[in-house]
C-alpha atoms as a PDB file:
ATOM      1  CA  MET A   1       0.017  -0.016  -0.020  1.00  0.00           C
ATOM      2  CA  SER A   2       1.410   3.377  -0.946  1.00  0.00           C
ATOM      3  CA  SER A   3       1.640   6.445   1.227  1.00  0.00           C
ATOM      4  CA  ILE A   4      -1.043   8.046  -0.834  1.00  0.00           C
ATOM      5  CA  ASP A   5      -3.321   5.082  -0.209  1.00  0.00           C
ATOM      6  CA  LYS A   6      -2.459   5.082   3.540  1.00  0.00           C
ATOM      7  CA  SER A   7      -3.481   8.756   3.768  1.00  0.00           C
ATOM      8  CA  GLY A   8      -7.137   7.895   3.438  1.00  0.00           C
ATOM      9  CA  THR A   9      -9.986   9.656   1.722  1.00  0.00           C
ATOM     10  CA  TYR A  10     -12.652  12.197   2.491  1.00  0.00           C
ATOM     11  CA  LYS A  11     -15.955  13.016   0.716  1.00  0.00           C
ATOM     12  CA  LEU A  12     -16.098  16.190  -1.349  1.00  0.00           C
ATOM     13  CA  GLY A  13     -19.726  16.281  -2.517  1.00  0.00           C
ATOM     14  CA  ASP A  14     -20.270  12.920  -4.197  1.00  0.00           C
ATOM     15  CA  ARG A  15     -16.526  12.370  -4.820  1.00  0.00           C
ATOM     16  CA  SER A  16     -14.000  10.383  -2.858  1.00  0.00           C
ATOM     17  CA  VAL A  17     -10.821  12.411  -2.602  1.00  0.00           C
ATOM     18  CA  ARG A  18      -7.508  11.224  -1.246  1.00  0.00           C
ATOM     19  CA  ARG A  19      -6.169  13.255   1.672  1.00  0.00           C
ATOM     20  CA  LEU A  20      -2.733  13.433   0.147  1.00  0.00           C
ATOM     21  CA  GLY A  21      -2.941  15.666  -2.987  1.00  0.00           C
ATOM     22  CA  TYR A  22      -0.525  17.701  -5.078  1.00  0.00           C
ATOM     23  CA  GLY A  23      -0.133  21.502  -4.778  1.00  0.00           C
ATOM     24  CA  ALA A  24       0.827  22.897  -8.204  1.00  0.00           C
ATOM     25  CA  MET A  25       2.121  26.272  -7.057  1.00  0.00           C
ATOM     26  CA  GLN A  26       5.809  25.433  -7.508  1.00  0.00           C
ATOM     27  CA  LEU A  27       5.330  24.209 -11.065  1.00  0.00           C
ATOM     28  CA  ALA A  28       5.532  27.852 -12.329  1.00  0.00           C
ATOM     29  CA  GLY A  29       8.796  29.682 -12.704  1.00  0.00           C
ATOM     30  CA  PRO A  30      10.787  31.367  -9.917  1.00  0.00           C
ATOM     31  CA  HIS A  31       8.655  33.268  -7.362  1.00  0.00           C
ATOM     32  CA  VAL A  32       5.588  31.491  -8.863  1.00  0.00           C
ATOM     33  CA  PHE A  33       5.855  33.669 -12.026  1.00  0.00           C
ATOM     34  CA  GLY A  34       6.345  32.752 -15.655  1.00  0.00           C
ATOM     35  CA  PRO A  35       7.018  29.366 -17.201  1.00  0.00           C
ATOM     36  CA  PRO A  36       8.923  26.615 -15.322  1.00  0.00           C
ATOM     37  CA  LYS A  37      12.647  26.292 -15.821  1.00  0.00           C
ATOM     38  CA  ASP A  38      12.128  22.747 -17.250  1.00  0.00           C
ATOM     39  CA  HIS A  39       8.705  22.348 -18.921  1.00  0.00           C
ATOM     40  CA  ASP A  40       9.096  18.645 -19.599  1.00  0.00           C
ATOM     41  CA  ALA A  41       9.987  18.018 -15.933  1.00  0.00           C
ATOM     42  CA  ALA A  42       6.857  19.895 -14.756  1.00  0.00           C
ATOM     43  CA  ILE A  43       4.777  17.741 -17.124  1.00  0.00           C
ATOM     44  CA  ALA A  44       6.439  14.586 -15.831  1.00  0.00           C
ATOM     45  CA  VAL A  45       5.834  15.568 -12.122  1.00  0.00           C
ATOM     46  CA  LEU A  46       2.035  15.966 -12.821  1.00  0.00           C
ATOM     47  CA  ARG A  47       1.799  12.756 -14.667  1.00  0.00           C
ATOM     48  CA  GLU A  48       3.769  10.835 -11.941  1.00  0.00           C
ATOM     49  CA  ALA A  49       1.586  12.284  -9.217  1.00  0.00           C
ATOM     50  CA  VAL A  50      -1.596  10.969 -10.887  1.00  0.00           C
ATOM     51  CA  ALA A  51       0.051   7.645 -11.737  1.00  0.00           C
ATOM     52  CA  SER A  52       1.030   7.303  -8.084  1.00  0.00           C
ATOM     53  CA  GLY A  53      -2.591   7.677  -6.946  1.00  0.00           C
ATOM     54  CA  VAL A  54      -3.079  11.400  -6.401  1.00  0.00           C
ATOM     55  CA  ASN A  55      -6.548  12.422  -7.371  1.00  0.00           C
ATOM     56  CA  HIS A  56      -6.606  15.925  -5.866  1.00  0.00           C
ATOM     57  CA  ILE A  57      -4.613  18.764  -7.455  1.00  0.00           C
ATOM     58  CA  ASP A  58      -4.664  22.312  -6.016  1.00  0.00           C
ATOM     59  CA  THR A  59      -3.970  25.188  -8.437  1.00  0.00           C
ATOM     60  CA  SER A  60      -4.836  28.742  -9.106  1.00  0.00           C
ATOM     61  CA  ASP A  61      -4.939  30.929 -12.168  1.00  0.00           C
ATOM     62  CA  TYR A  62      -2.505  33.356 -10.526  1.00  0.00           C
ATOM     63  CA  TYR A  63       0.307  30.813 -10.309  1.00  0.00           C
ATOM     64  CA  GLY A  64       2.315  31.884 -13.256  1.00  0.00           C
ATOM     65  CA  PRO A  65      -0.286  33.514 -13.986  1.00  0.00           C
ATOM     66  CA  TYR A  66      -2.206  30.788 -15.689  1.00  0.00           C
ATOM     67  CA  VAL A  67       0.933  28.593 -16.122  1.00  0.00           C
ATOM     68  CA  THR A  68       0.083  25.796 -13.773  1.00  0.00           C
ATOM     69  CA  ASN A  69      -3.370  25.496 -15.233  1.00  0.00           C
ATOM     70  CA  GLN A  70      -1.938  25.229 -18.673  1.00  0.00           C
ATOM     71  CA  LEU A  71       0.559  22.607 -17.531  1.00  0.00           C
ATOM     72  CA  ILE A  72      -2.140  20.580 -15.837  1.00  0.00           C
ATOM     73  CA  ARG A  73      -4.305  20.607 -19.009  1.00  0.00           C
ATOM     74  CA  GLU A  74      -1.290  19.665 -21.213  1.00  0.00           C
ATOM     75  CA  ALA A  75      -0.139  16.865 -18.862  1.00  0.00           C
ATOM     76  CA  LEU A  76      -3.414  15.246 -17.850  1.00  0.00           C
ATOM     77  CA  ALA A  77      -6.199  15.946 -20.355  1.00  0.00           C
ATOM     78  CA  PRO A  78      -8.353  14.100 -21.020  1.00  0.00           C
ATOM     79  CA  TYR A  79      -8.679  14.043 -17.275  1.00  0.00           C
ATOM     80  CA  PRO A  80      -9.068  10.877 -15.277  1.00  0.00           C
ATOM     81  CA  GLN A  81     -12.629  10.315 -14.135  1.00  0.00           C
ATOM     82  CA  ASP A  82     -11.714  10.572 -10.500  1.00  0.00           C
ATOM     83  CA  LEU A  83      -9.430  13.574 -10.692  1.00  0.00           C
ATOM     84  CA  VAL A  84     -10.510  16.610  -8.638  1.00  0.00           C
ATOM     85  CA  ILE A  85      -8.884  19.916  -9.557  1.00  0.00           C
ATOM     86  CA  VAL A  86      -9.452  22.680  -7.040  1.00  0.00           C
ATOM     87  CA  THR A  87      -8.583  26.354  -7.391  1.00  0.00           C
ATOM     88  CA  LYS A  88      -8.613  29.653  -5.607  1.00  0.00           C
ATOM     89  CA  ILE A  89      -9.712  33.089  -6.788  1.00  0.00           C
ATOM     90  CA  GLY A  90      -9.152  36.616  -5.579  1.00  0.00           C
ATOM     91  CA  ALA A  91      -5.496  37.554  -6.196  1.00  0.00           C
ATOM     92  CA  ARG A  92      -3.991  38.830  -9.426  1.00  0.00           C
ATOM     93  CA  ARG A  93      -0.390  39.088 -10.635  1.00  0.00           C
ATOM     94  CA  GLY A  94       1.212  42.176 -12.205  1.00  0.00           C
ATOM     95  CA  SER A  95       3.427  42.128 -15.171  1.00  0.00           C
ATOM     96  CA  ASP A  96       6.339  42.586 -12.802  1.00  0.00           C
ATOM     97  CA  ALA A  97       5.431  39.422 -10.802  1.00  0.00           C
ATOM     98  CA  SER A  98       3.720  41.479  -7.963  1.00  0.00           C
ATOM     99  CA  TRP A  99       0.774  40.162  -6.046  1.00  0.00           C
ATOM    100  CA  LEU A 100      -2.184  42.460  -6.522  1.00  0.00           C
ATOM    101  CA  PRO A 101      -5.481  42.723  -4.684  1.00  0.00           C
ATOM    102  CA  ALA A 102      -8.541  41.200  -6.222  1.00  0.00           C
ATOM    103  CA  TYR A 103     -10.678  43.284  -8.573  1.00  0.00           C
ATOM    104  CA  SER A 104     -13.645  42.905  -6.245  1.00  0.00           C
ATOM    105  CA  PRO A 105     -14.613  40.764  -3.286  1.00  0.00           C
END
């Protein structure tokens, strides 16, 4: 039994989600901005996570911005039936990599 299996599951609506997921924030470039230093490695990490049993990926459109979402799509689409992708909203990124307040609450 893998560590992912040992972590157990919880219910998210009608889905069973493993407690051990993958946080995609560090897939983007330095300081969570721009493309990754190694695009192919980022794709490989996502594929290995899912192949290892991860079915919960945390992301956000301001990681990159948009970079991690694009990587997830490239690496995993068409998505496995049991994959749960969660996101956050509210922050924005400036062209200088700054973190900006949300447009509105």
